């Protein structure tokens, strides 16, 4: 069995077993990459609530990305930009690959979105910021 993408740490507040954590994390990835952003948010928030740092802040960045694209689907470009800015600040603090994803690619996609929003141009499609496996 592959190692957990977000390893459990010893913290009495973290009351989620590694299999459930992995399951919810993967369901979040699948939902995100299928443009079901609200669903991805829900899966990752369930993990986030029971996870200590540094994974907690990483998950918060992912959750902000999902919320941003949910706002985009609801025609709220300002909310989209604000959430992407917050996500980028959090995610940039992590290595190029973390939690089994390519953080570097995701951050580049977020920057493309922010640049387009800032210029008033049409950003890439919401599903274009796919979360891809990291090395």
Protein backbone atom coordinates (compact mmCIF):
# COMPACT_ATOMS: atom_id res chain seq x y z
CA UNK A 1 0.00 0.00 0.00
CA UNK A 2 1.42 3.45 -0.93
CA UNK A 3 2.23 5.84 1.90
CA UNK A 4 -0.38 8.33 2.99
CA UNK A 5 -0.19 11.53 0.89
CA UNK A 6 -0.61 13.51 4.09
CA UNK A 7 1.07 11.56 6.88
CA UNK A 8 -0.67 11.42 10.23
CA UNK A 9 1.13 13.09 13.08
CA UNK A 10 0.69 12.39 16.74
CA UNK A 11 -1.83 14.96 17.84
CA UNK A 12 -4.75 14.23 20.14
CA UNK A 13 -6.98 16.56 18.09
CA UNK A 14 -6.32 14.57 14.89
CA UNK A 15 -8.97 11.89 15.20
CA UNK A 16 -9.09 10.55 11.71
CA UNK A 17 -7.41 7.31 10.76
CA UNK A 18 -4.98 7.29 7.86
CA UNK A 19 -7.22 5.20 5.59
CA UNK A 20 -10.15 7.57 6.02
CA UNK A 21 -7.84 10.55 5.57
CA UNK A 22 -6.45 9.07 2.34
CA UNK A 23 -9.95 8.24 1.09
CA UNK A 24 -11.28 11.75 1.68
CA UNK A 25 -8.14 13.37 0.26
CA UNK A 26 -8.39 11.28 -2.93
CA UNK A 27 -12.14 11.95 -3.25
CA UNK A 28 -11.33 15.65 -3.01
CA UNK A 29 -8.73 15.33 -5.77
CA UNK A 30 -11.18 13.45 -8.00
CA UNK A 31 -13.92 16.00 -7.39
CA UNK A 32 -11.58 18.94 -8.05
CA UNK A 33 -10.26 17.44 -11.28
CA UNK A 34 -13.87 16.85 -12.40
CA UNK A 35 -14.72 20.54 -11.73
CA UNK A 36 -16.94 19.61 -8.76
CA UNK A 37 -15.37 22.29 -6.62
CA UNK A 38 -17.94 22.46 -3.85
CA UNK A 39 -17.71 18.69 -3.39
CA UNK A 40 -13.89 18.84 -3.32
CA UNK A 41 -14.11 21.58 -0.71
CA UNK A 42 -16.33 19.42 1.48
CA UNK A 43 -14.04 16.38 1.33
CA UNK A 44 -10.90 18.38 2.08
CA UNK A 45 -12.55 20.38 4.83
CA UNK A 46 -13.43 17.16 6.62
CA UNK A 47 -9.74 16.20 6.59
CA UNK A 48 -8.61 19.75 7.40
CA UNK A 49 -10.71 19.90 10.56
CA UNK A 50 -8.86 16.89 11.98
CA UNK A 51 -5.33 17.52 10.73
CA UNK A 52 -2.47 19.38 12.42
CA UNK A 53 0.10 21.63 10.71
CA UNK A 54 1.91 21.63 8.37
CA UNK A 55 -0.71 19.60 6.50
CA UNK A 56 -3.52 21.77 7.85
CA UNK A 57 -2.23 24.93 6.13
CA UNK A 58 -1.60 22.99 2.91
CA UNK A 59 -5.18 21.71 2.94
CA UNK A 60 -6.41 25.22 3.66
CA UNK A 61 -4.66 26.39 0.49
CA UNK A 62 -6.33 23.61 -1.53
CA UNK A 63 -9.69 24.46 0.01
CA UNK A 64 -9.24 28.12 -0.96
CA UNK A 65 -8.57 27.09 -4.56
CA UNK A 66 -11.77 25.03 -4.63
CA UNK A 67 -13.74 27.88 -3.09
CA UNK A 68 -12.26 30.29 -5.65
CA UNK A 69 -13.43 28.19 -8.57
CA UNK A 70 -16.81 27.71 -6.94
CA UNK A 71 -17.05 31.53 -6.82
CA UNK A 72 -16.03 31.67 -10.48
CA UNK A 73 -18.82 29.24 -11.37
CA UNK A 74 -21.18 31.65 -9.59
CA UNK A 75 -19.88 34.65 -11.57
CA UNK A 76 -17.94 36.28 -8.71
CA UNK A 77 -14.54 37.29 -10.14
CA UNK A 78 -13.59 39.43 -7.12
CA UNK A 79 -14.20 36.54 -4.71
CA UNK A 80 -12.30 34.27 -7.08
CA UNK A 81 -9.26 36.55 -7.11
CA UNK A 82 -9.20 37.06 -3.35
CA UNK A 83 -9.40 33.34 -2.63
CA UNK A 84 -6.73 32.53 -5.22
CA UNK A 85 -4.42 35.14 -3.69
CA UNK A 86 -4.85 33.57 -0.25
CA UNK A 87 -4.34 30.08 -1.65
CA UNK A 88 -1.18 31.13 -3.45
CA UNK A 89 0.29 32.68 -0.29
CA UNK A 90 -0.26 29.42 1.58
CA UNK A 91 0.77 27.00 -1.15
CA UNK A 92 3.97 28.87 -2.11
CA UNK A 93 5.33 28.02 1.34
CA UNK A 94 5.41 24.30 0.44
CA UNK A 95 7.94 22.37 -1.62
CA UNK A 96 7.37 21.82 -5.35
CA UNK A 97 5.76 18.47 -4.53
CA UNK A 98 3.76 17.97 -1.34
CA UNK A 99 0.82 15.81 -0.35
CA UNK A 100 1.30 13.74 -3.52
CA UNK A 101 0.62 16.72 -5.81
CA UNK A 102 2.69 19.11 -7.86
CA UNK A 103 2.42 22.30 -5.85
CA UNK A 104 4.65 24.11 -8.35
CA UNK A 105 2.27 23.41 -11.25
CA UNK A 106 -0.78 24.38 -9.20
CA UNK A 107 0.86 27.65 -8.13
CA UNK A 108 1.74 28.42 -11.77
CA UNK A 109 -1.88 27.80 -12.77
CA UNK A 110 -3.08 30.09 -9.97
CA UNK A 111 -0.69 32.82 -11.11
CA UNK A 112 -2.07 32.55 -14.68
CA UNK A 113 -5.59 32.95 -13.33
CA UNK A 114 -4.65 35.94 -11.19
CA UNK A 115 -2.85 37.63 -14.09
CA UNK A 116 -5.87 37.18 -16.36
CA UNK A 117 -8.28 38.44 -13.69
CA UNK A 118 -6.07 41.46 -12.99
CA UNK A 119 -5.92 42.34 -16.70
CA UNK A 120 -9.66 41.88 -17.13
CA UNK A 121 -8.99 39.13 -19.64
CA UNK A 122 -10.85 35.86 -19.79
CA UNK A 123 -9.02 33.46 -17.47
CA UNK A 124 -8.49 29.83 -18.40
CA UNK A 125 -11.42 27.51 -17.74
CA UNK A 126 -11.97 26.74 -14.05
CA UNK A 127 -11.05 23.11 -14.61
CA UNK A 128 -7.76 24.12 -16.21
CA UNK A 129 -6.04 24.40 -12.81
CA UNK A 130 -5.85 20.66 -12.40
CA UNK A 131 -4.10 19.20 -9.43
CA UNK A 132 -1.53 16.80 -10.81
CA UNK A 133 0.56 14.16 -9.13
CA UNK A 134 3.93 15.40 -7.94
CA UNK A 135 7.19 13.55 -7.92
